[in-house]
Amino acid sequence: MSFLIDTDTCSAYVKGHQVVYNRFLQYAGRLHVSCITMGELYDWALRARASPKRLLSVDGLLNDVTVLNVDLVVARKYGELQAAFRDGGQPAPKLDLFIASTALIHNLTVVTHNTADFMNVPGLSIVDWLAP
């Protein structure tokens, strides 16, 4: 099984959360992040009051994961999902929906502590490494 790591779990990893760190070791070579997640992490790392260590940690994460881009196939899946949510009168977090679309196209399980943001996406597998 391979995984697409959501922003919150990447953040826990770079902050040194032991359980997440152990999972990264356990699943080495099977860990991916979306370029959307990297954008969110760089936003967090490049804030005016952020420690320079934060950016080093985010850059270091790139040694442990494969970054997946949003291409036309992912964009099409996003459009299909977003249209279905809108037609059904359901809001969907736009960035999380790009992450979910990436996972679906690449047949990956999303790792997130924000499971509620992903649970209504049809066919998506989700796991929470931060659950007690």
Protein backbone atom coordinates (compact mmCIF):
# COMPACT_ATOMS: atom_id res chain seq x y z
CA MET A 1 0.00 0.00 0.00
CA SER A 2 1.20 3.51 -0.85
CA PHE A 3 0.11 6.79 0.68
CA LEU A 4 -0.57 10.44 -0.12
CA ILE A 5 0.32 12.42 2.98
CA ASP A 6 -1.92 15.40 3.78
CA THR A 7 -0.56 18.69 5.08
CA ASP A 8 -1.45 18.11 8.73
CA THR A 9 0.44 14.82 8.84
CA CYS A 10 3.45 16.30 7.02
CA SER A 11 3.43 19.09 9.58
CA ALA A 12 3.41 16.56 12.42
CA TYR A 13 6.36 14.78 10.78
CA VAL A 14 8.50 17.91 10.42
CA LYS A 15 7.66 18.82 14.03
CA GLY A 16 9.06 15.46 15.13
CA HIS A 17 5.86 13.59 16.09
CA GLN A 18 7.23 10.14 16.98
CA VAL A 19 4.32 8.00 15.72
CA VAL A 20 4.29 9.77 12.35
CA TYR A 21 8.09 9.58 12.14
CA ASN A 22 7.90 5.80 12.73
CA ARG A 23 5.28 5.43 9.98
CA PHE A 24 7.51 7.35 7.58
CA LEU A 25 10.27 4.84 8.33
CA GLN A 26 7.88 1.90 8.01
CA TYR A 27 6.52 2.99 4.62
CA ALA A 28 9.69 4.52 3.14
CA GLY A 29 9.54 4.55 -0.65
CA ARG A 30 5.74 4.47 -0.66
CA LEU A 31 5.07 8.01 0.54
CA HIS A 32 3.82 10.79 -1.71
CA VAL A 33 2.63 14.36 -1.31
CA SER A 34 0.68 16.58 -3.64
CA CYS A 35 2.25 19.79 -4.90
CA ILE A 36 -0.83 21.37 -3.25
CA THR A 37 0.40 20.09 0.13
CA MET A 38 3.87 21.44 -0.59
CA GLY A 39 2.34 24.85 -1.30
CA GLU A 40 0.52 24.78 2.04
CA LEU A 41 3.71 23.72 3.83
CA TYR A 42 5.77 26.45 2.17
CA ASP A 43 3.10 28.99 3.17
CA TRP A 44 3.52 27.83 6.78
CA ALA A 45 7.34 27.80 6.58
CA LEU A 46 7.74 31.17 4.89
CA ARG A 47 5.60 33.24 7.24
CA ALA A 48 7.31 36.40 8.49
CA ARG A 49 7.58 35.11 12.07
CA ALA A 50 8.49 31.53 11.18
CA SER A 51 11.79 30.14 12.38
CA PRO A 52 14.32 29.49 9.57
CA LYS A 53 14.40 25.90 10.87
CA ARG A 54 10.82 25.47 9.66
CA LEU A 55 11.84 25.98 6.02
CA LEU A 56 14.77 23.60 6.44
CA SER A 57 12.40 20.98 7.84
CA VAL A 58 9.96 21.37 4.97
CA ASP A 59 12.77 21.15 2.43
CA GLY A 60 14.08 18.08 4.28
CA LEU A 61 10.71 16.39 3.90
CA LEU A 62 11.39 16.25 0.15
CA ASN A 63 14.05 13.60 0.84
CA ASP A 64 11.39 11.24 2.21
CA VAL A 65 8.50 11.64 -0.24
CA THR A 66 7.68 11.79 -3.93
CA VAL A 67 5.89 14.98 -4.99
CA LEU A 68 2.98 14.48 -7.38
CA ASN A 69 1.91 17.34 -9.63
CA VAL A 70 -1.58 18.37 -10.57
CA ASP A 71 -1.85 17.46 -14.24
CA LEU A 72 -4.80 17.38 -16.62
CA VAL A 73 -5.93 13.95 -15.44
CA VAL A 74 -6.00 15.10 -11.80
CA ALA A 75 -7.66 18.38 -12.85
CA ARG A 76 -10.39 16.44 -14.68
CA LYS A 77 -11.02 14.24 -11.62
CA TYR A 78 -11.18 17.38 -9.45
CA GLY A 79 -13.72 18.89 -11.86
CA GLU A 80 -15.86 15.74 -11.78
CA LEU A 81 -15.84 15.62 -7.98
CA GLN A 82 -16.40 19.36 -7.50
CA ALA A 83 -19.30 19.36 -9.99
CA ALA A 84 -20.92 16.41 -8.19
CA PHE A 85 -20.58 18.11 -4.80
CA ARG A 86 -21.96 21.41 -6.12
CA ASP A 87 -24.85 19.68 -7.93
CA GLY A 88 -25.64 17.85 -4.69
CA GLY A 89 -25.58 21.07 -2.69
CA GLN A 90 -22.55 19.96 -0.67
CA PRO A 91 -19.53 22.19 -0.08
CA ALA A 92 -16.12 20.66 -0.63
CA PRO A 93 -12.82 22.18 0.50
CA LYS A 94 -11.16 23.05 -2.80
CA LEU A 95 -7.53 22.33 -1.90
CA ASP A 96 -8.45 19.10 -0.11
CA LEU A 97 -10.43 18.06 -3.17
CA PHE A 98 -7.30 18.48 -5.33
CA ILE A 99 -5.43 16.29 -2.84
CA ALA A 100 -8.23 13.69 -2.92
CA SER A 101 -8.25 13.77 -6.74
CA THR A 102 -4.50 13.16 -6.81
CA ALA A 103 -4.91 10.17 -4.48
CA LEU A 104 -7.71 8.69 -6.58
CA ILE A 105 -5.81 9.05 -9.86
CA HIS A 106 -2.65 7.49 -8.40
CA ASN A 107 -4.50 4.84 -6.35
CA LEU A 108 -3.12 6.11 -3.03
CA THR A 109 -4.54 6.14 0.49
CA VAL A 110 -4.78 9.63 1.98
CA VAL A 111 -3.12 9.99 5.39
CA THR A 112 -4.80 12.79 7.33
CA HIS A 113 -6.02 13.72 10.77
CA ASN A 114 -8.68 15.88 9.09
CA THR A 115 -10.72 12.88 8.00
CA ALA A 116 -13.97 14.87 7.90
CA ASP A 117 -12.59 16.92 4.99
CA PHE A 118 -12.21 13.77 2.88
CA MET A 119 -14.84 11.30 4.05
CA ASN A 120 -17.50 12.24 1.48
CA VAL A 121 -15.23 11.65 -1.52
CA PRO A 122 -16.45 8.49 -3.28
CA GLY A 123 -13.88 5.71 -3.58
CA LEU A 124 -11.23 7.45 -1.49
CA SER A 125 -9.28 5.46 1.11
CA ILE A 126 -8.33 7.39 4.24
CA VAL A 127 -6.19 6.56 7.26
CA ASP A 128 -5.33 8.66 10.32
CA TRP A 129 -1.83 8.14 11.76
CA LEU A 130 -2.51 10.71 14.49
CA ALA A 131 -5.62 9.05 15.91
CA PRO A 132 -5.24 7.93 19.53
